[in-house]
Amino acid sequence: MSGEADFTEIDENGERVLRFSGRLTVARLGDVPVRLEELGIAPDRADISAVERIDTIGAWILHRLERDYGTEIAGASDHAKQLLHHVSCADEPQPARLDDRNLVVRTVERVGAATIEALSSLKGLLAFFGGLMIATGSVIRHPRRLRLNAVVQRFETVGLAALGIVGLMSFLIGIVIAQQGAVQLRQFGAEVFTINLLGRITMRELGILMTAIMVAGRSGSAFAAQLGSMKLAEEVDAMRTIGIPPMEALVLPRVLATTLMLPLLGFYAAIMMIMGGGLLCWYELGIPPATFISRIREVVPMTDLWVGLIKAPVFGFIIGLTGCYFGMQVEGNNEQVGLKTTAAVVQAIFLVIVLDAFFAIFFSSIGWI
């Protein structure tokens, strides 16, 4: 083919010279790179005066001859010299840029950047909450716009499919709490109060809190990943184009499902914890199940149950809202799906724990202790 790159090897006044011809471009190089690799002796000079055209790839090949073998490049046009200069500059090793600022300054800068990012996320979350409230008001005014099938499907995803892992986790945590409580209380001869410890901490705190953390890691991440994938595939934009509000069709069913299902999951988890603790008390402390249940009824006030059931829907709402918010923030590429999913889980768990602390202070102030 006319213009194919080629070279011939000649001996000129005792020098080994490579005469290049044709076009040294990526489309016309052919087997020239392979033949150059097979050269047994380093050439002294490379004559490119007969080269019709050269691009960056051709300049890189000539630069490698010059760099690795010390070959002199001769006959280069102005354009070829310019390309060779740019390739040579690009091949220079770049020194690592060290951050020579004070450690305290760098730490403060990172803390500040993290704080600004957290406040920005909180601001966006509040705006998203406002949009959800508007969508909820619209659905209340027009009940037929509520997608009941989508809500029921999320019930299965958030609640029914989570029964196994939540139940197993809660059962084992109940065993751990009872075992550790019994070990510590045995020092004072008060092993029987293990029932008090187990009953109150599970119904009031751990049952709901551990369930919320599990749902945040399981369902919150799923919501973020699902909505993020839909955002990248432009399905959310397509829904807006055909007149379907994504807030009503995608976000509201998910938030409603987590809000309604978390009280049931939390109560189920608390019961499983009590069962696990009761099994250990029967095995290690010799407390029969009938006595254990009777003692639980005596020491656990109804306020503990109400505390757990009041906190649960708030935690569920926060988990659903956070997962959907970060899913709707995905843009650019698939890497963003993973980043936003991770952010959704971290933010949801953080907010749940912060709210749990506020609830603890509030219920203590009104005498529900």
Protein backbone atom coordinates (compact mmCIF):
# COMPACT_ATOMS: atom_id res chain seq x y z
CA MET A 1 0.00 0.00 0.00
CA SER A 2 1.31 3.45 -0.93
CA GLY A 3 2.68 5.42 1.97
CA GLU A 4 3.32 2.42 4.27
CA ALA A 5 6.07 3.09 6.81
CA ASP A 6 9.35 1.27 6.18
CA PHE A 7 13.04 1.51 6.90
CA THR A 8 16.26 0.14 5.44
CA GLU A 9 19.45 -0.56 7.29
CA ILE A 10 22.67 0.66 5.59
CA ASP A 11 26.32 1.16 6.47
CA GLU A 12 27.44 4.72 5.77
CA ASN A 13 31.08 5.62 6.47
CA GLY A 14 31.28 3.00 9.17
CA GLU A 15 28.02 4.16 10.80
CA ARG A 16 24.94 2.03 11.04
CA VAL A 17 22.10 4.14 9.59
CA LEU A 18 18.34 3.50 9.43
CA ARG A 19 16.63 5.26 6.52
CA PHE A 20 12.91 5.67 7.16
CA SER A 21 10.37 6.27 4.40
CA GLY A 22 6.60 6.45 3.95
CA ARG A 23 4.27 7.66 6.69
CA LEU A 24 5.20 7.15 10.34
CA THR A 25 1.59 7.27 11.51
CA VAL A 26 -0.43 4.89 13.64
CA ALA A 27 -2.43 3.72 10.59
CA ARG A 28 0.64 3.02 8.40
CA LEU A 29 3.26 1.68 10.81
CA GLY A 30 2.71 -1.98 9.91
CA ASP A 31 5.45 -4.19 11.37
CA VAL A 32 8.00 -1.39 11.81
CA PRO A 33 7.85 -1.45 15.68
CA VAL A 34 8.37 -5.22 15.73
CA ARG A 35 11.33 -5.04 13.33
CA LEU A 36 12.93 -2.29 15.39
CA GLU A 37 12.61 -4.44 18.51
CA GLU A 38 14.45 -7.25 16.71
CA LEU A 39 17.48 -5.13 15.83
CA GLY A 40 20.54 -6.81 17.22
CA ILE A 41 22.89 -3.81 17.16
CA ALA A 42 21.97 -0.27 18.17
CA PRO A 43 21.84 2.08 15.12
CA ASP A 44 24.03 5.18 15.20
CA ARG A 45 21.71 7.41 13.21
CA ALA A 46 18.10 7.46 11.96
CA ASP A 47 17.48 9.44 8.75
CA ILE A 48 13.83 10.53 8.42
CA SER A 49 14.26 13.00 5.58
CA ALA A 50 12.21 10.72 3.28
CA VAL A 51 9.30 10.42 5.73
CA GLU A 52 6.14 11.84 4.18
CA ARG A 53 4.20 12.31 7.40
CA ILE A 54 4.67 11.68 11.12
CA ASP A 55 2.29 11.68 14.09
CA THR A 56 2.73 11.28 17.84
CA ILE A 57 3.09 7.48 17.66
CA GLY A 58 5.81 7.78 15.02
CA ALA A 59 7.57 10.43 17.09
CA TRP A 60 7.39 8.13 20.13
CA ILE A 61 9.09 5.30 18.20
CA LEU A 62 11.92 7.63 17.11
CA HIS A 63 12.20 9.02 20.64
CA ARG A 64 12.61 5.48 22.00
CA LEU A 65 15.48 4.88 19.55
CA GLU A 66 17.12 8.07 20.77
CA ARG A 67 16.45 7.34 24.43
CA ASP A 68 17.34 3.63 24.55
CA TYR A 69 20.15 3.39 21.97
CA GLY A 70 21.48 6.94 21.76
CA THR A 71 20.53 7.07 18.08
CA GLU A 72 20.86 10.47 16.42
CA ILE A 73 17.71 11.61 14.59
CA ALA A 74 18.61 13.35 11.34
CA GLY A 75 16.64 14.93 8.50
CA ALA A 76 13.67 15.92 10.66
CA SER A 77 11.32 18.62 9.41
CA ASP A 78 10.17 21.44 11.65
CA HIS A 79 6.91 19.60 12.37
CA ALA A 80 8.80 16.40 13.22
CA LYS A 81 11.22 18.29 15.48
CA GLN A 82 8.30 19.85 17.31
CA LEU A 83 6.62 16.47 17.83
CA LEU A 84 9.89 14.90 19.00
CA HIS A 85 10.37 17.74 21.48
CA HIS A 86 6.86 17.36 22.93
CA VAL A 87 7.20 13.56 23.22
CA SER A 88 10.59 13.95 24.89
CA CYS A 89 9.18 16.43 27.41
CA ALA A 90 6.22 14.17 28.17
CA ASP A 91 8.60 11.26 28.83
CA GLU A 92 10.49 13.15 31.52
CA PRO A 93 9.81 11.74 35.02
CA GLN A 94 7.72 14.11 37.08
CA PRO A 95 8.87 14.63 40.67
CA ALA A 96 6.32 13.75 43.32
CA ARG A 97 4.66 16.86 44.70
CA LEU A 98 4.95 16.77 48.45
CA ASP A 99 2.60 18.69 50.66
CA ASP A 100 5.02 20.64 52.83
CA ARG A 101 2.33 22.40 54.84
CA ASN A 102 2.16 22.01 58.58
CA LEU A 103 0.35 18.88 59.84
CA VAL A 104 -2.01 20.99 61.93
CA VAL A 105 -2.93 23.10 58.90
CA ARG A 106 -3.62 20.03 56.78
CA THR A 107 -5.72 18.46 59.54
CA VAL A 108 -7.77 21.61 60.02
CA GLU A 109 -8.26 21.88 56.25
CA ARG A 110 -9.52 18.30 56.01
CA VAL A 111 -11.85 18.75 58.96
CA GLY A 112 -13.17 21.95 57.42
CA ALA A 113 -13.72 20.31 54.03
CA ALA A 114 -15.53 17.39 55.67
CA THR A 115 -17.68 19.78 57.70
CA ILE A 116 -18.62 21.81 54.62
CA GLU A 117 -19.48 18.62 52.74
CA ALA A 118 -21.61 17.37 55.65
CA LEU A 119 -23.47 20.67 55.89
CA SER A 120 -24.00 20.68 52.14
CA SER A 121 -25.43 17.15 52.31
CA LEU A 122 -27.68 18.18 55.20
CA LYS A 123 -28.92 21.20 53.23
CA GLY A 124 -29.65 19.00 50.21
CA LEU A 125 -31.39 16.46 52.43
CA LEU A 126 -33.64 19.15 53.88
CA ALA A 127 -34.51 20.38 50.38
CA PHE A 128 -35.25 16.79 49.36
CA PHE A 129 -37.45 16.41 52.44
CA GLY A 130 -39.38 19.50 51.36
CA GLY A 131 -39.91 18.03 47.89
CA LEU A 132 -41.14 14.80 49.45
CA MET A 133 -43.62 16.70 51.63
CA ILE A 134 -44.98 18.47 48.55
CA ALA A 135 -45.35 15.12 46.78
CA THR A 136 -47.06 13.65 49.86
CA GLY A 137 -49.53 16.54 49.96
CA SER A 138 -50.28 16.04 46.27
CA VAL A 139 -50.96 12.32 46.86
CA ILE A 140 -53.19 13.10 49.84
CA ARG A 141 -55.25 15.46 47.68
CA HIS A 142 -55.41 12.87 44.88
CA PRO A 143 -55.32 9.41 46.56
CA ARG A 144 -55.47 7.60 43.22
CA ARG A 145 -51.94 8.79 42.49
CA LEU A 146 -50.56 6.62 45.30
CA ARG A 147 -48.86 3.61 43.70
CA LEU A 148 -50.07 0.95 46.12
CA ASN A 149 -48.42 -1.91 44.21
CA ALA A 150 -45.03 -0.22 44.51
CA VAL A 151 -45.54 0.27 48.25
CA VAL A 152 -46.49 -3.40 48.75
CA GLN A 153 -43.42 -4.51 46.77
CA ARG A 154 -41.23 -2.38 49.03
CA PHE A 155 -42.98 -3.95 52.05
CA GLU A 156 -41.72 -7.31 50.88
CA THR A 157 -38.22 -6.00 50.17
CA VAL A 158 -37.78 -4.05 53.40
CA GLY A 159 -39.77 -6.25 55.75
CA LEU A 160 -40.47 -9.82 54.72
CA ALA A 161 -37.13 -10.46 53.02
CA ALA A 162 -35.30 -9.04 56.05
CA LEU A 163 -36.93 -11.28 58.67
CA GLY A 164 -34.25 -13.96 58.43
CA ILE A 165 -31.17 -11.80 58.87
CA VAL A 166 -32.78 -9.47 61.43
CA GLY A 167 -34.08 -12.41 63.46
CA LEU A 168 -30.76 -14.26 63.46
CA MET A 169 -28.79 -11.14 64.33
CA SER A 170 -31.18 -10.22 67.14
CA PHE A 171 -31.24 -13.74 68.57
CA LEU A 172 -27.44 -13.85 68.75
CA ILE A 173 -27.19 -10.34 70.23
CA GLY A 174 -29.66 -11.39 72.92
CA ILE A 175 -27.42 -14.33 73.81
CA VAL A 176 -24.37 -12.05 73.97
CA ILE A 177 -26.11 -9.46 76.18
CA ALA A 178 -27.38 -12.14 78.57
CA GLN A 179 -24.01 -13.88 78.75
CA GLN A 180 -22.02 -10.71 79.39
CA GLY A 181 -24.61 -9.42 81.87
CA ALA A 182 -24.59 -12.69 83.78
CA VAL A 183 -20.78 -12.71 83.97
CA GLN A 184 -20.65 -9.19 85.41
CA LEU A 185 -23.62 -9.54 87.78
CA ARG A 186 -22.35 -12.87 89.11
CA GLN A 187 -19.59 -10.96 90.90
CA PHE A 188 -22.27 -9.40 93.11
CA GLY A 189 -24.50 -12.47 93.37
CA ALA A 190 -27.18 -10.74 91.31
CA GLU A 191 -27.46 -13.00 88.25
CA VAL A 192 -31.25 -12.79 88.41
CA PHE A 193 -31.07 -9.13 87.37
CA THR A 194 -29.78 -10.29 83.99
CA ILE A 195 -33.45 -10.51 83.05
CA ASN A 196 -33.95 -6.84 83.95
CA LEU A 197 -30.93 -5.83 81.88
CA LEU A 198 -31.99 -7.89 78.89
CA GLY A 199 -35.65 -6.90 78.92
CA ARG A 200 -35.20 -3.16 79.24
CA ILE A 201 -32.26 -2.68 76.89
CA THR A 202 -33.83 -4.73 74.11
CA MET A 203 -37.33 -3.23 74.20
CA ARG A 204 -36.14 0.34 74.72
CA GLU A 205 -32.92 0.66 72.73
CA LEU A 206 -31.13 -2.21 71.02
CA GLY A 207 -34.10 -3.84 69.33
CA ILE A 208 -34.95 -0.73 67.33
CA LEU A 209 -31.40 0.62 66.97
CA MET A 210 -29.83 -2.59 65.63
CA THR A 211 -32.78 -3.11 63.29
CA ALA A 212 -32.40 0.44 61.96
CA ILE A 213 -28.69 -0.13 61.32
CA MET A 214 -29.42 -3.40 59.51
CA VAL A 215 -32.16 -1.82 57.39
CA ALA A 216 -29.88 1.13 56.56
CA GLY A 217 -27.17 -1.22 55.35
CA ARG A 218 -29.57 -3.48 53.51
CA SER A 219 -32.50 -1.45 52.19
CA GLY A 220 -31.01 2.06 52.30
CA SER A 221 -28.09 0.97 50.14
CA ALA A 222 -30.46 -0.85 47.79
CA PHE A 223 -32.57 2.29 47.34
CA ALA A 224 -29.48 4.38 46.56
CA ALA A 225 -28.15 1.84 44.08
CA GLN A 226 -31.51 1.36 42.34
CA LEU A 227 -32.25 5.05 41.93
CA GLY A 228 -28.64 5.79 41.00
CA SER A 229 -28.73 3.21 38.20
CA MET A 230 -32.03 4.61 36.96
CA LYS A 231 -30.55 8.11 37.03
CA LEU A 232 -27.55 7.03 34.93
CA ALA A 233 -29.81 5.23 32.46
CA GLU A 234 -31.85 8.46 32.16
CA GLU A 235 -35.00 6.63 33.25
CA VAL A 236 -35.72 9.34 35.83
CA ASP A 237 -35.53 12.04 33.14
CA ALA A 238 -37.78 9.94 30.91
CA MET A 239 -40.36 9.73 33.69
CA ARG A 240 -40.34 13.51 34.04
CA THR A 241 -40.71 13.87 30.27
CA ILE A 242 -43.88 11.76 30.15
CA GLY A 243 -45.36 13.56 33.16
CA ILE A 244 -44.68 11.07 35.98
CA PRO A 245 -43.19 12.81 39.05
CA PRO A 246 -40.22 10.69 40.24
CA MET A 247 -40.82 11.86 43.80
CA GLU A 248 -44.28 10.25 43.78
CA ALA A 249 -43.42 7.18 41.73
CA LEU A 250 -39.97 6.28 43.11
CA VAL A 251 -39.27 8.02 46.40
CA LEU A 252 -42.60 8.09 48.23
CA PRO A 253 -43.27 4.29 48.05
CA ARG A 254 -39.79 3.52 49.39
CA VAL A 255 -39.94 6.04 52.23
CA LEU A 256 -43.47 4.95 53.15
CA ALA A 257 -42.43 1.28 53.21
CA THR A 258 -39.44 1.83 55.52
CA THR A 259 -41.48 4.12 57.80
CA LEU A 260 -44.27 1.56 58.24
CA MET A 261 -42.15 -1.59 58.36
CA LEU A 262 -39.46 -0.54 60.83
CA PRO A 263 -41.77 -0.59 63.91
CA LEU A 264 -42.78 -4.15 63.06
CA LEU A 265 -39.20 -5.22 62.38
CA GLY A 266 -38.00 -3.50 65.56
CA PHE A 267 -40.61 -5.23 67.74
CA TYR A 268 -39.78 -8.56 66.08
CA ALA A 269 -36.06 -7.98 66.72
CA ALA A 270 -36.68 -7.17 70.38
CA ILE A 271 -38.70 -10.38 70.83
CA MET A 272 -35.92 -12.40 69.16
CA MET A 273 -33.33 -10.81 71.46
CA ILE A 274 -35.42 -11.71 74.50
CA MET A 275 -35.77 -15.28 73.21
CA GLY A 276 -32.00 -15.58 72.73
CA GLY A 277 -31.32 -14.15 76.18
CA GLY A 278 -33.98 -16.39 77.72
CA LEU A 279 -32.37 -19.45 76.15
CA LEU A 280 -29.00 -18.56 77.66
CA CYS A 281 -30.55 -17.80 81.06
CA TRP A 282 -32.22 -21.22 81.01
CA TYR A 283 -29.01 -22.98 80.01
CA GLU A 284 -26.45 -21.09 82.13
CA LEU A 285 -28.41 -19.65 85.05
CA GLY A 286 -31.03 -22.36 85.40
CA ILE A 287 -33.95 -19.93 85.06
CA PRO A 288 -36.89 -21.82 83.46
CA PRO A 289 -38.77 -20.16 80.57
CA ALA A 290 -41.97 -19.68 82.59
CA THR A 291 -40.09 -17.81 85.33
CA PHE A 292 -38.16 -15.82 82.73
CA ILE A 293 -41.34 -14.67 80.96
CA SER A 294 -43.05 -13.83 84.23
CA ARG A 295 -40.05 -11.77 85.32
CA ILE A 296 -39.90 -9.96 81.98
CA ARG A 297 -43.54 -8.92 82.36
CA GLU A 298 -42.79 -7.53 85.82
CA VAL A 299 -39.62 -5.55 85.06
CA VAL A 300 -40.33 -4.13 81.59
CA PRO A 301 -42.77 -1.21 81.77
CA MET A 302 -45.06 -0.35 78.88
CA THR A 303 -43.21 2.93 78.45
CA ASP A 304 -40.20 0.98 77.14
CA LEU A 305 -42.38 -0.52 74.41
CA TRP A 306 -43.80 2.88 73.52
CA VAL A 307 -40.33 4.42 73.39
CA GLY A 308 -39.22 1.82 70.87
CA LEU A 309 -42.38 2.10 68.77
CA ILE A 310 -42.19 5.91 68.69
CA LYS A 311 -38.56 5.94 67.57
CA ALA A 312 -38.94 3.23 64.92
CA PRO A 313 -41.01 5.10 62.27
CA VAL A 314 -38.74 8.16 62.60
CA PHE A 315 -35.67 5.98 62.00
CA GLY A 316 -37.40 4.29 59.07
CA PHE A 317 -38.30 7.65 57.53
CA ILE A 318 -34.72 8.90 57.86
CA ILE A 319 -33.31 5.70 56.30
CA GLY A 320 -35.68 5.78 53.34
CA LEU A 321 -35.19 9.51 52.79
CA THR A 322 -31.39 9.30 52.94
CA GLY A 323 -31.16 6.31 50.62
CA CYS A 324 -33.41 7.91 48.01
CA TYR A 325 -31.69 11.30 48.28
CA PHE A 326 -28.20 9.95 47.60
CA GLY A 327 -29.53 7.73 44.83
CA MET A 328 -31.01 10.77 43.09
CA GLN A 329 -27.65 12.58 43.39
CA VAL A 330 -25.84 10.08 41.15
CA GLU A 331 -24.51 11.57 37.93
CA GLY A 332 -21.55 11.11 35.63
CA ASN A 333 -20.50 7.45 35.68
CA ASN A 334 -21.02 4.08 37.36
CA GLU A 335 -18.41 4.84 40.00
CA GLN A 336 -20.79 7.41 41.44
CA VAL A 337 -23.31 4.65 42.20
CA GLY A 338 -20.89 2.99 44.59
CA LEU A 339 -19.81 6.26 46.17
CA LYS A 340 -23.36 7.50 46.74
CA THR A 341 -24.49 4.10 48.04
CA THR A 342 -21.70 4.15 50.61
CA ALA A 343 -22.54 7.74 51.55
CA ALA A 344 -26.21 6.81 51.95
CA VAL A 345 -25.44 4.02 54.42
CA VAL A 346 -22.96 6.09 56.43
CA GLN A 347 -25.23 9.14 56.62
CA ALA A 348 -28.31 7.08 57.52
CA ILE A 349 -26.54 5.25 60.36
CA PHE A 350 -25.05 8.52 61.62
CA LEU A 351 -28.43 10.28 61.64
CA VAL A 352 -30.12 7.32 63.32
CA ILE A 353 -27.58 7.29 66.15
CA VAL A 354 -27.77 11.08 66.60
CA LEU A 355 -31.57 10.94 66.72
CA ASP A 356 -31.42 8.04 69.17
CA ALA A 357 -29.32 10.20 71.51
CA PHE A 358 -31.84 13.05 71.25
CA PHE A 359 -34.71 10.62 71.93
CA ALA A 360 -32.89 9.26 74.99
CA ILE A 361 -32.52 12.78 76.43
CA PHE A 362 -36.11 13.69 75.57
CA PHE A 363 -37.73 10.59 77.10
CA SER A 364 -35.56 10.94 80.17
CA SER A 365 -36.69 14.56 80.59
CA ILE A 366 -40.37 13.60 80.53
CA GLY A 367 -39.87 10.79 83.03
CA TRP A 368 -40.00 7.76 80.69
CA ILE A 369 -37.01 6.03 82.19
